[in-house]
Amino acid sequence: MSSDEFDPAIERLFSRAPQMADASLFAAGVEAKLQSSSQVRTLALTLAGLIGGVIAVRESTNVSFTLSDARAPVAGRAIGQGFEAATLSVQSATQSGLQSLGLGDVSLGSLGGMQLFWITAGALIALAAAAVVKLSQEV
């Protein structure tokens, strides 16, 4: 058999999948496994979210940033100064970006640390919800 005859013969053999006698039973088993893993995944993500939320609330109520305090260790003061410099550079970059969009009157510096924390947390929760919706549509 030449290669010109062999390739079409192979294509014909693999173009039709044979029907198995237990195809519907197999499909039902696969569906059941997909549903059970989805429930486990949903339970695990919900549990992780609840634990993370409890930890975030507990930690946010006990926040005490003393990195730039005079009583803080030298390394703490250096970290505090670096943190303040990074915050100022991010704020100036954000402000220039807002200026270019015509939203120059918005000032993030007037917000307190906790307000920025909750705004960021809300944005992350919204992103996570959008990701979950997209994931649930794909599955």
N, C-alpha and C. Protein backbone atom coordinates (compact mmCIF):
# COMPACT_ATOMS: atom_id res chain seq x y z
N MET A 1 0.85 -1.17 0.00
CA MET A 1 0.00 0.00 0.00
C MET A 1 0.90 1.23 0.00
N SER A 2 0.66 2.11 -0.94
CA SER A 2 1.48 3.32 -1.03
C SER A 2 0.99 4.35 -0.02
N SER A 3 1.80 5.39 0.18
CA SER A 3 1.42 6.43 1.15
C SER A 3 0.20 7.21 0.68
N ASP A 4 0.00 7.28 -0.63
CA ASP A 4 -1.19 7.99 -1.15
C ASP A 4 -2.47 7.23 -0.82
N GLU A 5 -2.40 5.91 -0.72
CA GLU A 5 -3.56 5.11 -0.37
C GLU A 5 -3.72 4.98 1.14
N PHE A 6 -2.59 5.01 1.88
CA PHE A 6 -2.62 4.77 3.32
C PHE A 6 -3.26 5.93 4.09
N ASP A 7 -2.88 7.17 3.77
CA ASP A 7 -3.40 8.33 4.50
C ASP A 7 -4.92 8.44 4.42
N PRO A 8 -5.53 8.32 3.25
CA PRO A 8 -7.00 8.38 3.22
C PRO A 8 -7.65 7.21 3.97
N ALA A 9 -7.01 6.04 3.94
CA ALA A 9 -7.58 4.90 4.67
C ALA A 9 -7.58 5.17 6.17
N ILE A 10 -6.51 5.72 6.69
CA ILE A 10 -6.42 6.05 8.12
C ILE A 10 -7.45 7.13 8.46
N GLU A 11 -7.55 8.14 7.61
CA GLU A 11 -8.53 9.20 7.86
C GLU A 11 -9.95 8.65 7.90
N ARG A 12 -10.27 7.71 7.03
CA ARG A 12 -11.61 7.10 7.03
C ARG A 12 -11.85 6.31 8.31
N LEU A 13 -10.82 5.60 8.78
CA LEU A 13 -10.97 4.80 9.99
C LEU A 13 -11.22 5.67 11.23
N PHE A 14 -10.54 6.81 11.31
CA PHE A 14 -10.65 7.65 12.48
C PHE A 14 -11.70 8.75 12.34
N SER A 15 -12.35 8.88 11.22
CA SER A 15 -13.36 9.91 11.05
C SER A 15 -14.65 9.55 11.77
N ARG A 16 -14.89 8.27 11.96
CA ARG A 16 -16.10 7.82 12.66
C ARG A 16 -15.69 7.15 13.96
N ALA A 17 -16.14 7.71 15.07
CA ALA A 17 -15.87 7.08 16.36
C ALA A 17 -16.86 5.95 16.58
N PRO A 18 -16.38 4.80 17.02
CA PRO A 18 -17.30 3.69 17.24
C PRO A 18 -18.22 3.97 18.43
N GLN A 19 -19.46 3.55 18.35
CA GLN A 19 -20.42 3.73 19.43
C GLN A 19 -20.22 2.59 20.43
N MET A 20 -20.06 2.95 21.68
CA MET A 20 -19.92 1.96 22.73
C MET A 20 -21.29 1.63 23.30
N ALA A 21 -21.44 0.44 23.83
CA ALA A 21 -22.73 0.01 24.36
C ALA A 21 -23.12 0.79 25.62
N ASP A 22 -22.13 1.19 26.41
CA ASP A 22 -22.43 1.89 27.66
C ASP A 22 -22.10 3.38 27.58
N ALA A 23 -22.26 3.99 26.42
CA ALA A 23 -21.92 5.40 26.22
C ALA A 23 -22.77 6.31 27.10
N SER A 24 -24.06 6.05 27.22
CA SER A 24 -24.92 6.90 28.05
C SER A 24 -24.58 6.74 29.52
N LEU A 25 -24.24 5.54 29.96
CA LEU A 25 -23.83 5.32 31.35
C LEU A 25 -22.52 6.05 31.64
N PHE A 26 -21.59 6.00 30.70
CA PHE A 26 -20.32 6.71 30.86
C PHE A 26 -20.55 8.22 30.95
N ALA A 27 -21.40 8.76 30.09
CA ALA A 27 -21.70 10.20 30.12
C ALA A 27 -22.34 10.59 31.44
N ALA A 28 -23.24 9.76 31.96
CA ALA A 28 -23.87 10.06 33.25
C ALA A 28 -22.85 10.03 34.37
N GLY A 29 -21.90 9.10 34.32
CA GLY A 29 -20.85 9.05 35.34
C GLY A 29 -19.96 10.27 35.31
N VAL A 30 -19.60 10.71 34.11
CA VAL A 30 -18.78 11.91 33.98
C VAL A 30 -19.52 13.13 34.51
N GLU A 31 -20.80 13.27 34.19
CA GLU A 31 -21.61 14.39 34.69
C GLU A 31 -21.67 14.38 36.21
N ALA A 32 -21.85 13.21 36.80
CA ALA A 32 -21.92 13.11 38.26
C ALA A 32 -20.59 13.54 38.89
N LYS A 33 -19.47 13.13 38.31
CA LYS A 33 -18.16 13.53 38.84
C LYS A 33 -17.95 15.03 38.71
N LEU A 34 -18.37 15.60 37.59
CA LEU A 34 -18.23 17.05 37.41
C LEU A 34 -19.07 17.81 38.43
N GLN A 35 -20.28 17.34 38.68
CA GLN A 35 -21.14 18.01 39.65
C GLN A 35 -20.59 17.90 41.07
N SER A 36 -20.08 16.74 41.43
CA SER A 36 -19.55 16.57 42.79
C SER A 36 -18.29 17.40 42.99
N SER A 37 -17.42 17.48 41.98
CA SER A 37 -16.21 18.29 42.13
C SER A 37 -16.56 19.77 42.17
N SER A 38 -17.62 20.16 41.48
CA SER A 38 -18.05 21.55 41.51
C SER A 38 -18.55 21.92 42.90
N GLN A 39 -19.27 21.02 43.53
CA GLN A 39 -19.78 21.28 44.87
C GLN A 39 -18.63 21.36 45.88
N VAL A 40 -17.66 20.49 45.74
CA VAL A 40 -16.50 20.51 46.64
C VAL A 40 -15.71 21.80 46.43
N ARG A 41 -15.52 22.19 45.18
CA ARG A 41 -14.79 23.42 44.89
C ARG A 41 -15.53 24.63 45.44
N THR A 42 -16.84 24.66 45.28
CA THR A 42 -17.64 25.78 45.81
C THR A 42 -17.54 25.83 47.32
N LEU A 43 -17.64 24.68 47.97
CA LEU A 43 -17.53 24.64 49.43
C LEU A 43 -16.14 25.09 49.89
N ALA A 44 -15.09 24.64 49.21
CA ALA A 44 -13.73 25.01 49.59
C ALA A 44 -13.49 26.51 49.40
N LEU A 45 -13.97 27.06 48.29
CA LEU A 45 -13.78 28.50 48.06
C LEU A 45 -14.59 29.33 49.05
N THR A 46 -15.79 28.90 49.37
CA THR A 46 -16.60 29.62 50.35
C THR A 46 -15.94 29.59 51.72
N LEU A 47 -15.46 28.43 52.12
CA LEU A 47 -14.79 28.30 53.40
C LEU A 47 -13.53 29.16 53.46
N ALA A 48 -12.74 29.13 52.39
CA ALA A 48 -11.52 29.96 52.34
C ALA A 48 -11.87 31.45 52.39
N GLY A 49 -12.93 31.84 51.70
CA GLY A 49 -13.36 33.25 51.73
C GLY A 49 -13.81 33.67 53.11
N LEU A 50 -14.55 32.81 53.78
CA LEU A 50 -15.00 33.14 55.14
C LEU A 50 -13.83 33.26 56.11
N ILE A 51 -12.90 32.32 56.03
CA ILE A 51 -11.74 32.37 56.91
C ILE A 51 -10.90 33.62 56.61
N GLY A 52 -10.70 33.91 55.33
CA GLY A 52 -9.94 35.10 54.96
C GLY A 52 -10.65 36.38 55.40
N GLY A 53 -11.97 36.41 55.27
CA GLY A 53 -12.72 37.59 55.71
C GLY A 53 -12.63 37.81 57.20
N VAL A 54 -12.74 36.73 57.97
CA VAL A 54 -12.63 36.85 59.43
C VAL A 54 -11.24 37.34 59.82
N ILE A 55 -10.22 36.79 59.18
CA ILE A 55 -8.85 37.23 59.49
C ILE A 55 -8.65 38.69 59.10
N ALA A 56 -9.19 39.09 57.94
CA ALA A 56 -9.03 40.49 57.49
C ALA A 56 -9.72 41.45 58.44
N VAL A 57 -10.92 41.11 58.89
CA VAL A 57 -11.64 41.99 59.82
C VAL A 57 -10.91 42.05 61.15
N ARG A 58 -10.44 40.90 61.63
CA ARG A 58 -9.73 40.88 62.91
C ARG A 58 -8.45 41.71 62.84
N GLU A 59 -7.71 41.56 61.75
CA GLU A 59 -6.46 42.30 61.61
C GLU A 59 -6.70 43.78 61.37
N SER A 60 -7.76 44.12 60.66
CA SER A 60 -8.01 45.54 60.39
C SER A 60 -8.48 46.28 61.63
N THR A 61 -9.04 45.58 62.59
CA THR A 61 -9.44 46.25 63.82
C THR A 61 -8.27 46.42 64.77
N ASN A 62 -7.19 45.68 64.58
CA ASN A 62 -6.01 45.77 65.45
C ASN A 62 -4.81 46.36 64.73
N VAL A 63 -5.05 47.23 63.73
CA VAL A 63 -3.96 47.80 62.96
C VAL A 63 -3.23 48.84 63.79
N SER A 64 -1.91 48.78 63.81
CA SER A 64 -1.12 49.80 64.48
C SER A 64 0.20 49.91 63.73
N PHE A 65 0.25 50.88 62.81
CA PHE A 65 1.46 51.12 62.04
C PHE A 65 2.34 52.10 62.80
N THR A 66 3.40 51.61 63.39
CA THR A 66 4.34 52.48 64.10
C THR A 66 5.70 52.41 63.44
N LEU A 67 5.70 52.34 62.12
CA LEU A 67 6.97 52.19 61.42
C LEU A 67 7.77 53.48 61.41
N SER A 68 7.10 54.63 61.43
CA SER A 68 7.85 55.89 61.38
C SER A 68 7.95 56.54 62.75
N ASP A 69 7.54 55.84 63.79
CA ASP A 69 7.61 56.37 65.15
C ASP A 69 9.08 56.42 65.59
N ALA A 70 9.41 57.37 66.45
CA ALA A 70 10.79 57.51 66.92
C ALA A 70 11.20 56.32 67.78
N ARG A 71 10.22 55.66 68.39
CA ARG A 71 10.54 54.51 69.25
C ARG A 71 10.70 53.22 68.44
N ALA A 72 10.38 53.27 67.18
CA ALA A 72 10.48 52.06 66.34
C ALA A 72 11.94 51.73 66.09
N PRO A 73 12.25 50.48 65.85
CA PRO A 73 13.65 50.13 65.53
C PRO A 73 14.10 50.78 64.23
N VAL A 74 15.42 50.83 64.05
CA VAL A 74 15.99 51.49 62.88
C VAL A 74 15.47 50.85 61.59
N ALA A 75 15.41 49.53 61.57
CA ALA A 75 14.91 48.85 60.37
C ALA A 75 13.45 49.21 60.14
N GLY A 76 12.68 49.32 61.21
CA GLY A 76 11.27 49.70 61.08
C GLY A 76 11.11 51.10 60.54
N ARG A 77 11.97 52.03 61.01
CA ARG A 77 11.90 53.40 60.50
C ARG A 77 12.29 53.44 59.03
N ALA A 78 13.30 52.65 58.64
CA ALA A 78 13.72 52.61 57.23
C ALA A 78 12.60 52.05 56.36
N ILE A 79 11.94 51.01 56.85
CA ILE A 79 10.81 50.44 56.11
C ILE A 79 9.68 51.46 56.03
N GLY A 80 9.43 52.16 57.13
CA GLY A 80 8.39 53.18 57.15
C GLY A 80 8.66 54.29 56.15
N GLN A 81 9.91 54.74 56.10
CA GLN A 81 10.26 55.79 55.14
C GLN A 81 10.14 55.29 53.72
N GLY A 82 10.57 54.06 53.47
CA GLY A 82 10.43 53.48 52.14
C GLY A 82 8.96 53.33 51.75
N PHE A 83 8.13 52.91 52.72
CA PHE A 83 6.71 52.76 52.48
C PHE A 83 6.07 54.11 52.15
N GLU A 84 6.46 55.15 52.91
CA GLU A 84 5.92 56.49 52.65
C GLU A 84 6.37 56.99 51.27
N ALA A 85 7.63 56.75 50.90
CA ALA A 85 8.12 57.18 49.59
C ALA A 85 7.38 56.45 48.47
N ALA A 86 7.17 55.15 48.66
CA ALA A 86 6.44 54.38 47.64
C ALA A 86 5.00 54.86 47.54
N THR A 87 4.39 55.16 48.68
CA THR A 87 3.02 55.65 48.67
C THR A 87 2.93 56.98 47.94
N LEU A 88 3.88 57.88 48.20
CA LEU A 88 3.87 59.18 47.53
C LEU A 88 4.09 59.02 46.02
N SER A 89 4.97 58.11 45.62
CA SER A 89 5.20 57.95 44.18
C SER A 89 3.98 57.33 43.50
N VAL A 90 3.32 56.38 44.17
CA VAL A 90 2.11 55.80 43.61
C VAL A 90 1.01 56.85 43.54
N GLN A 91 0.92 57.68 44.58
CA GLN A 91 -0.10 58.72 44.59
C GLN A 91 0.14 59.73 43.48
N SER A 92 1.39 60.12 43.28
CA SER A 92 1.67 61.09 42.22
C SER A 92 1.42 60.49 40.84
N ALA A 93 1.76 59.21 40.67
CA ALA A 93 1.50 58.56 39.38
C ALA A 93 -0.01 58.44 39.13
N THR A 94 -0.74 58.10 40.18
CA THR A 94 -2.20 58.01 40.06
C THR A 94 -2.80 59.37 39.76
N GLN A 95 -2.30 60.40 40.44
CA GLN A 95 -2.81 61.74 40.23
C GLN A 95 -2.53 62.21 38.80
N SER A 96 -1.34 61.92 38.28
CA SER A 96 -1.04 62.34 36.90
C SER A 96 -1.91 61.55 35.91
N GLY A 97 -2.17 60.28 36.21
CA GLY A 97 -3.07 59.50 35.36
C GLY A 97 -4.49 60.05 35.38
N LEU A 98 -4.94 60.44 36.57
CA LEU A 98 -6.27 61.03 36.68
C LEU A 98 -6.34 62.38 35.98
N GLN A 99 -5.24 63.15 36.04
CA GLN A 99 -5.19 64.43 35.35
C GLN A 99 -5.34 64.23 33.85
N SER A 100 -4.67 63.21 33.32
CA SER A 100 -4.75 62.97 31.89
C SER A 100 -6.15 62.52 31.47
N LEU A 101 -6.90 61.92 32.40
CA LEU A 101 -8.27 61.52 32.11
C LEU A 101 -9.28 62.62 32.41
N GLY A 102 -8.79 63.74 32.95
CA GLY A 102 -9.69 64.85 33.27
C GLY A 102 -10.34 64.72 34.64
N LEU A 103 -9.79 63.86 35.48
CA LEU A 103 -10.33 63.67 36.82
C LEU A 103 -9.34 64.16 37.87
N GLY A 104 -8.74 65.30 37.65
CA GLY A 104 -7.70 65.81 38.52
C GLY A 104 -8.17 66.24 39.88
N ASP A 105 -9.47 66.44 40.07
CA ASP A 105 -9.97 66.88 41.37
C ASP A 105 -10.05 65.74 42.38
N VAL A 106 -9.92 64.51 41.93
CA VAL A 106 -9.97 63.37 42.83
C VAL A 106 -8.63 63.25 43.54
N SER A 107 -8.66 63.23 44.87
CA SER A 107 -7.42 63.15 45.63
C SER A 107 -7.47 61.95 46.56
N LEU A 108 -6.54 61.05 46.38
CA LEU A 108 -6.48 59.88 47.25
C LEU A 108 -5.79 60.19 48.57
N GLY A 109 -5.03 61.26 48.62
CA GLY A 109 -4.31 61.61 49.84
C GLY A 109 -5.23 62.06 50.95
N SER A 110 -6.43 62.51 50.63
CA SER A 110 -7.34 62.96 51.67
C SER A 110 -8.04 61.80 52.36
N LEU A 111 -7.94 60.61 51.80
CA LEU A 111 -8.55 59.44 52.41
C LEU A 111 -7.63 58.86 53.47
N GLY A 112 -8.22 58.31 54.51
CA GLY A 112 -7.43 57.67 55.54
C GLY A 112 -6.99 56.29 55.10
N GLY A 113 -6.10 55.70 55.89
CA GLY A 113 -5.59 54.38 55.56
C GLY A 113 -6.66 53.32 55.54
N MET A 114 -7.59 53.37 56.49
CA MET A 114 -8.65 52.37 56.55
C MET A 114 -9.62 52.53 55.38
N GLN A 115 -9.87 53.78 54.98
CA GLN A 115 -10.75 53.99 53.83
C GLN A 115 -10.13 53.41 52.56
N LEU A 116 -8.85 53.63 52.38
CA LEU A 116 -8.16 53.06 51.22
C LEU A 116 -8.16 51.53 51.29
N PHE A 117 -8.00 51.00 52.52
CA PHE A 117 -8.04 49.55 52.69
C PHE A 117 -9.38 48.99 52.25
N TRP A 118 -10.47 49.62 52.68
CA TRP A 118 -11.80 49.10 52.35
C TRP A 118 -12.13 49.30 50.87
N ILE A 119 -11.66 50.40 50.29
CA ILE A 119 -11.86 50.60 48.85
C ILE A 119 -11.13 49.51 48.07
N THR A 120 -9.88 49.23 48.47
CA THR A 120 -9.11 48.18 47.81
C THR A 120 -9.75 46.81 48.02
N ALA A 121 -10.20 46.55 49.25
CA ALA A 121 -10.86 45.27 49.53
C ALA A 121 -12.12 45.12 48.69
N GLY A 122 -12.90 46.19 48.57
CA GLY A 122 -14.11 46.12 47.74
C GLY A 122 -13.80 45.86 46.28
N ALA A 123 -12.74 46.51 45.79
CA ALA A 123 -12.35 46.29 44.40
C ALA A 123 -11.88 44.86 44.18
N LEU A 124 -11.12 44.32 45.13
CA LEU A 124 -10.66 42.94 45.01
C LEU A 124 -11.82 41.95 45.09
N ILE A 125 -12.80 42.24 45.94
CA ILE A 125 -13.98 41.37 46.03
C ILE A 125 -14.77 41.42 44.73
N ALA A 126 -14.89 42.61 44.15
CA ALA A 126 -15.60 42.73 42.87
C ALA A 126 -14.87 41.96 41.76
N LEU A 127 -13.54 42.05 41.75
CA LEU A 127 -12.76 41.30 40.76
C LEU A 127 -12.91 39.79 40.97
N ALA A 128 -12.90 39.37 42.23
CA ALA A 128 -13.06 37.94 42.52
C ALA A 128 -14.44 37.46 42.10
N ALA A 129 -15.47 38.27 42.36
CA ALA A 129 -16.83 37.89 41.95
C ALA A 129 -16.93 37.79 40.44
N ALA A 130 -16.31 38.73 39.73
CA ALA A 130 -16.33 38.67 38.27
C ALA A 130 -15.61 37.42 37.76
N ALA A 131 -14.49 37.08 38.41
CA ALA A 131 -13.76 35.88 38.01
C ALA A 131 -14.58 34.62 38.27
N VAL A 132 -15.30 34.58 39.40
CA VAL A 132 -16.13 33.42 39.70
C VAL A 132 -17.26 33.29 38.69
N VAL A 133 -17.86 34.42 38.33
CA VAL A 133 -18.94 34.38 37.33
C VAL A 133 -18.42 33.88 36.00
N LYS A 134 -17.26 34.39 35.59
CA LYS A 134 -16.68 33.95 34.33
C LYS A 134 -16.31 32.48 34.36
N LEU A 135 -15.76 32.03 35.48
CA LEU A 135 -15.39 30.62 35.63
C LEU A 135 -16.64 29.73 35.61
N SER A 136 -17.70 30.17 36.25
CA SER A 136 -18.91 29.36 36.27
C SER A 136 -19.56 29.30 34.88
N GLN A 137 -19.38 30.33 34.08
CA GLN A 137 -19.93 30.31 32.72
C GLN A 137 -19.11 29.38 31.82
N GLU A 138 -17.81 29.26 32.07
CA GLU A 138 -16.96 28.40 31.27
C GLU A 138 -17.16 26.93 31.60
N VAL A 139 -17.49 26.64 32.85
CA VAL A 139 -17.64 25.24 33.27
C VAL A 139 -18.99 24.74 33.05
